[in-house]
N, C-alpha and C. Protein backbone atom coordinates (compact mmCIF):
# COMPACT_ATOMS: atom_id res chain seq x y z
N MET A 1 169.62 -17.10 -65.05
CA MET A 1 171.06 -16.75 -65.26
C MET A 1 171.42 -16.12 -66.46
N ARG A 2 172.40 -15.20 -66.40
CA ARG A 2 172.78 -14.56 -67.71
C ARG A 2 173.43 -15.57 -68.64
N GLN A 3 173.82 -15.21 -69.83
CA GLN A 3 174.41 -16.12 -70.84
C GLN A 3 175.85 -16.03 -70.63
N GLY A 4 176.51 -15.11 -70.04
CA GLY A 4 177.96 -15.00 -69.83
C GLY A 4 178.42 -15.85 -68.48
N TRP A 5 179.46 -15.89 -68.19
CA TRP A 5 180.09 -16.54 -66.95
C TRP A 5 179.84 -15.75 -65.75
N PRO A 6 179.44 -16.21 -64.76
CA PRO A 6 179.19 -15.67 -63.51
C PRO A 6 180.51 -15.27 -62.72
N VAL A 7 180.52 -14.28 -61.99
CA VAL A 7 181.74 -14.11 -61.21
C VAL A 7 181.91 -15.09 -60.13
N GLY A 8 182.96 -15.76 -60.02
CA GLY A 8 182.99 -16.76 -59.07
C GLY A 8 184.35 -17.54 -59.39
N ARG A 9 184.49 -18.71 -58.96
CA ARG A 9 185.63 -19.45 -58.92
C ARG A 9 185.81 -20.20 -60.28
N LEU A 10 186.09 -19.59 -61.39
CA LEU A 10 186.20 -20.00 -62.71
C LEU A 10 187.42 -20.81 -62.77
N SER A 11 187.29 -22.03 -63.15
CA SER A 11 188.21 -22.99 -63.25
C SER A 11 188.64 -23.44 -64.70
N PHE A 12 189.84 -23.12 -65.17
CA PHE A 12 190.48 -23.65 -66.44
C PHE A 12 191.48 -24.78 -66.08
N MET A 13 191.28 -25.89 -67.05
CA MET A 13 192.22 -27.05 -66.72
C MET A 13 192.54 -27.73 -67.84
N PRO A 14 193.74 -28.37 -67.75
CA PRO A 14 194.34 -29.12 -68.86
C PRO A 14 193.31 -30.46 -69.06
N SER A 15 192.31 -30.41 -69.98
CA SER A 15 191.45 -31.41 -70.02
C SER A 15 191.04 -31.65 -71.48
N THR A 16 191.02 -32.94 -72.16
CA THR A 16 190.59 -33.09 -73.54
C THR A 16 189.17 -33.02 -73.69
N VAL A 17 188.40 -32.82 -72.74
CA VAL A 17 186.85 -32.73 -72.76
C VAL A 17 186.21 -31.37 -72.31
N ILE A 18 186.73 -30.94 -71.09
CA ILE A 18 186.23 -29.68 -70.53
C ILE A 18 187.26 -28.55 -70.53
N ARG A 19 186.72 -27.45 -71.07
CA ARG A 19 187.61 -26.32 -71.18
C ARG A 19 187.67 -25.45 -69.93
N ARG A 20 186.44 -25.26 -69.30
CA ARG A 20 186.41 -24.51 -68.04
C ARG A 20 184.97 -24.67 -67.47
N PHE A 21 184.79 -24.44 -66.01
CA PHE A 21 183.65 -24.47 -65.47
C PHE A 21 183.56 -23.52 -64.16
N VAL A 22 182.51 -23.26 -63.75
CA VAL A 22 182.29 -22.45 -62.56
C VAL A 22 181.00 -23.09 -61.84
N HIS A 23 181.21 -22.98 -60.36
CA HIS A 23 179.97 -23.40 -59.68
C HIS A 23 179.38 -22.07 -58.90
N VAL A 24 178.15 -21.90 -58.81
CA VAL A 24 177.64 -20.76 -58.04
C VAL A 24 176.75 -21.31 -56.92
N PRO A 25 177.33 -21.37 -55.86
CA PRO A 25 176.68 -21.98 -54.87
C PRO A 25 175.29 -21.29 -54.33
N GLU A 26 175.26 -20.20 -54.60
CA GLU A 26 173.93 -19.51 -54.10
C GLU A 26 172.94 -20.01 -54.97
N THR A 27 172.99 -20.44 -56.17
CA THR A 27 171.97 -20.80 -57.18
C THR A 27 172.16 -22.26 -57.40
N ARG A 28 173.16 -22.85 -56.91
CA ARG A 28 173.59 -24.42 -57.07
C ARG A 28 173.65 -24.75 -58.53
N GLU A 29 174.21 -23.79 -59.26
CA GLU A 29 174.41 -23.94 -60.68
C GLU A 29 175.88 -24.19 -61.10
N LEU A 30 176.04 -25.17 -62.01
CA LEU A 30 177.22 -25.75 -62.32
C LEU A 30 177.30 -25.33 -63.85
N MET A 31 178.21 -24.29 -64.33
CA MET A 31 178.27 -24.00 -65.86
C MET A 31 179.49 -24.79 -66.22
N ILE A 32 179.36 -25.40 -67.36
CA ILE A 32 180.50 -26.17 -67.83
C ILE A 32 180.71 -25.86 -69.28
N GLU A 33 181.80 -25.50 -69.94
CA GLU A 33 182.27 -25.21 -71.24
C GLU A 33 183.13 -26.54 -71.73
N PHE A 34 182.58 -27.10 -72.71
CA PHE A 34 183.30 -28.05 -73.43
C PHE A 34 184.42 -27.59 -74.28
N VAL A 35 185.47 -28.49 -74.67
CA VAL A 35 186.34 -28.05 -75.77
C VAL A 35 186.03 -27.68 -77.10
N THR A 36 184.59 -28.33 -77.28
CA THR A 36 183.93 -27.91 -78.56
C THR A 36 183.18 -26.73 -78.61
N GLY A 37 183.35 -25.88 -77.39
CA GLY A 37 182.65 -24.59 -77.25
C GLY A 37 181.24 -24.53 -76.76
N ARG A 38 180.53 -25.87 -76.76
CA ARG A 38 179.20 -25.77 -76.26
C ARG A 38 179.44 -25.65 -74.71
N ARG A 39 178.36 -24.80 -74.20
CA ARG A 39 178.25 -24.53 -72.93
C ARG A 39 176.82 -24.98 -72.47
N TYR A 40 176.97 -25.50 -71.09
CA TYR A 40 175.69 -26.03 -70.33
C TYR A 40 175.70 -25.60 -68.98
N VAL A 41 174.40 -25.55 -68.29
CA VAL A 41 174.37 -25.12 -67.03
C VAL A 41 173.69 -26.42 -66.37
N TYR A 42 174.11 -26.88 -65.35
CA TYR A 42 173.61 -28.08 -64.52
C TYR A 42 172.78 -27.52 -63.38
N SER A 43 171.64 -27.85 -63.17
CA SER A 43 170.96 -27.33 -61.97
C SER A 43 170.98 -28.06 -60.71
N ASP A 44 170.71 -27.50 -59.51
CA ASP A 44 170.83 -28.11 -58.40
C ASP A 44 172.00 -28.97 -57.93
N VAL A 45 173.21 -28.51 -58.44
CA VAL A 45 174.49 -29.24 -57.97
C VAL A 45 174.96 -28.83 -56.74
N PRO A 46 175.11 -29.65 -55.74
CA PRO A 46 175.51 -29.31 -54.51
C PRO A 46 177.12 -28.76 -54.50
N SER A 47 177.53 -28.07 -53.65
CA SER A 47 178.77 -27.54 -53.46
C SER A 47 179.61 -28.81 -53.34
N GLU A 48 179.42 -29.68 -52.49
CA GLU A 48 180.16 -30.80 -52.41
C GLU A 48 180.47 -31.46 -53.68
N GLU A 49 179.56 -31.66 -54.50
CA GLU A 49 179.78 -32.53 -56.02
C GLU A 49 180.60 -31.45 -56.65
N ALA A 50 180.57 -30.18 -56.76
CA ALA A 50 181.13 -29.17 -57.52
C ALA A 50 182.74 -29.25 -57.04
N GLU A 51 182.97 -29.27 -55.63
CA GLU A 51 184.36 -29.40 -55.27
C GLU A 51 184.94 -30.79 -55.53
N ALA A 52 184.17 -31.83 -55.56
CA ALA A 52 184.72 -33.23 -56.03
C ALA A 52 185.17 -33.16 -57.62
N PHE A 53 184.30 -32.45 -58.28
CA PHE A 53 184.65 -32.28 -59.81
C PHE A 53 185.87 -31.59 -59.88
N ARG A 54 185.99 -30.36 -59.18
CA ARG A 54 187.26 -29.69 -59.16
C ARG A 54 188.49 -30.14 -58.76
N SER A 55 188.33 -31.17 -57.81
CA SER A 55 189.39 -32.01 -57.28
C SER A 55 189.80 -33.31 -58.06
N ALA A 56 189.02 -33.72 -58.88
CA ALA A 56 189.18 -34.83 -59.71
C ALA A 56 190.29 -34.81 -60.76
N PHE A 57 191.08 -35.81 -60.87
CA PHE A 57 192.14 -35.79 -61.60
C PHE A 57 191.72 -35.89 -63.05
N ALA A 58 190.75 -36.68 -63.42
CA ALA A 58 190.20 -36.80 -64.76
C ALA A 58 188.85 -36.22 -64.68
N LYS A 59 188.71 -34.97 -65.11
CA LYS A 59 187.54 -34.19 -65.18
C LYS A 59 186.30 -34.77 -65.97
N GLY A 60 186.80 -35.33 -67.17
CA GLY A 60 185.89 -35.83 -68.21
C GLY A 60 185.37 -36.98 -67.64
N THR A 61 186.00 -37.88 -67.06
CA THR A 61 185.59 -39.14 -66.37
C THR A 61 184.79 -38.80 -65.21
N HIS A 62 185.11 -38.01 -64.33
CA HIS A 62 184.23 -37.48 -63.18
C HIS A 62 182.96 -37.12 -63.73
N PHE A 63 183.00 -36.16 -64.71
CA PHE A 63 181.75 -35.60 -65.32
C PHE A 63 180.70 -36.76 -65.77
N ASN A 64 181.35 -37.57 -66.64
CA ASN A 64 180.48 -38.77 -67.05
C ASN A 64 179.90 -39.70 -66.03
N ARG A 65 180.57 -39.89 -65.08
CA ARG A 65 180.10 -40.67 -63.98
C ARG A 65 179.30 -40.10 -62.86
N ARG A 66 179.53 -38.84 -62.71
CA ARG A 66 178.93 -38.24 -61.30
C ARG A 66 177.98 -37.01 -61.78
N ILE A 67 178.07 -36.40 -63.09
CA ILE A 67 177.28 -35.24 -63.18
C ILE A 67 176.32 -35.44 -64.43
N ARG A 68 176.78 -35.73 -65.57
CA ARG A 68 176.06 -35.97 -66.67
C ARG A 68 174.89 -37.06 -66.27
N ASN A 69 173.71 -36.80 -66.79
CA ASN A 69 172.47 -37.65 -66.70
C ASN A 69 172.10 -37.69 -65.25
N ARG A 70 172.69 -36.93 -64.31
CA ARG A 70 172.33 -36.83 -62.88
C ARG A 70 171.54 -35.67 -62.57
N TYR A 71 172.05 -34.58 -63.09
CA TYR A 71 171.43 -33.24 -62.91
C TYR A 71 170.72 -32.70 -64.15
N ALA A 72 169.67 -32.14 -63.99
CA ALA A 72 168.79 -31.30 -65.20
C ALA A 72 169.99 -30.29 -65.70
N CYS A 73 169.74 -30.06 -67.16
CA CYS A 73 170.74 -29.23 -67.78
C CYS A 73 170.12 -28.50 -68.87
N ARG A 74 170.67 -27.38 -69.24
CA ARG A 74 170.20 -26.73 -70.46
C ARG A 74 171.52 -26.03 -71.18
N GLU A 75 171.30 -26.04 -72.39
CA GLU A 75 172.58 -25.53 -73.24
C GLU A 75 172.37 -23.99 -73.27
N LEU A 76 173.47 -23.27 -73.19
CA LEU A 76 173.51 -21.83 -73.27
C LEU A 76 173.87 -21.55 -74.82
N GLU A 77 173.47 -20.31 -75.04
CA GLU A 77 173.87 -19.86 -76.43
C GLU A 77 175.29 -19.69 -76.46
N PRO A 78 175.82 -19.52 -77.72
CA PRO A 78 177.30 -19.19 -77.82
C PRO A 78 177.55 -18.10 -77.33
N ALA A 79 178.78 -17.85 -76.86
CA ALA A 79 179.24 -16.66 -76.28
C ALA A 79 179.38 -15.64 -77.37
N VAL A 80 179.25 -14.40 -77.17
CA VAL A 80 179.22 -13.29 -78.07
C VAL A 80 180.30 -13.33 -79.01
N GLU A 81 181.53 -13.56 -78.42
CA GLU A 81 182.95 -13.64 -79.09
C GLU A 81 182.87 -14.80 -79.99
N GLU A 82 182.15 -16.01 -79.69
CA GLU A 82 182.18 -17.07 -80.58
C GLU A 82 181.02 -16.75 -81.76
N ARG A 83 180.18 -16.08 -81.64
CA ARG A 83 179.23 -15.76 -82.71
C ARG A 83 179.75 -14.87 -83.83
N GLY A 84 180.66 -14.17 -83.34
CA GLY A 84 181.18 -13.31 -84.45
C GLY A 84 180.60 -12.07 -84.78
């Protein structure tokens, strides 16, 4: 996967933990950017789980209970605009 955000259903939301995320159904990858600016890709995330995340009222709570530590992940490099 490229380091940037894929074309897809990018979601921004008012959250104290998560800035934005996008799920790529073809690769089953869920990219999440936290308000700290750190970005991660979670692997093998089913579309149903991504939709449940999208629909959750409390994104941070849902992430901690249903995604974090359940799916393999890797951290992405900071975005070009963040590196200066």
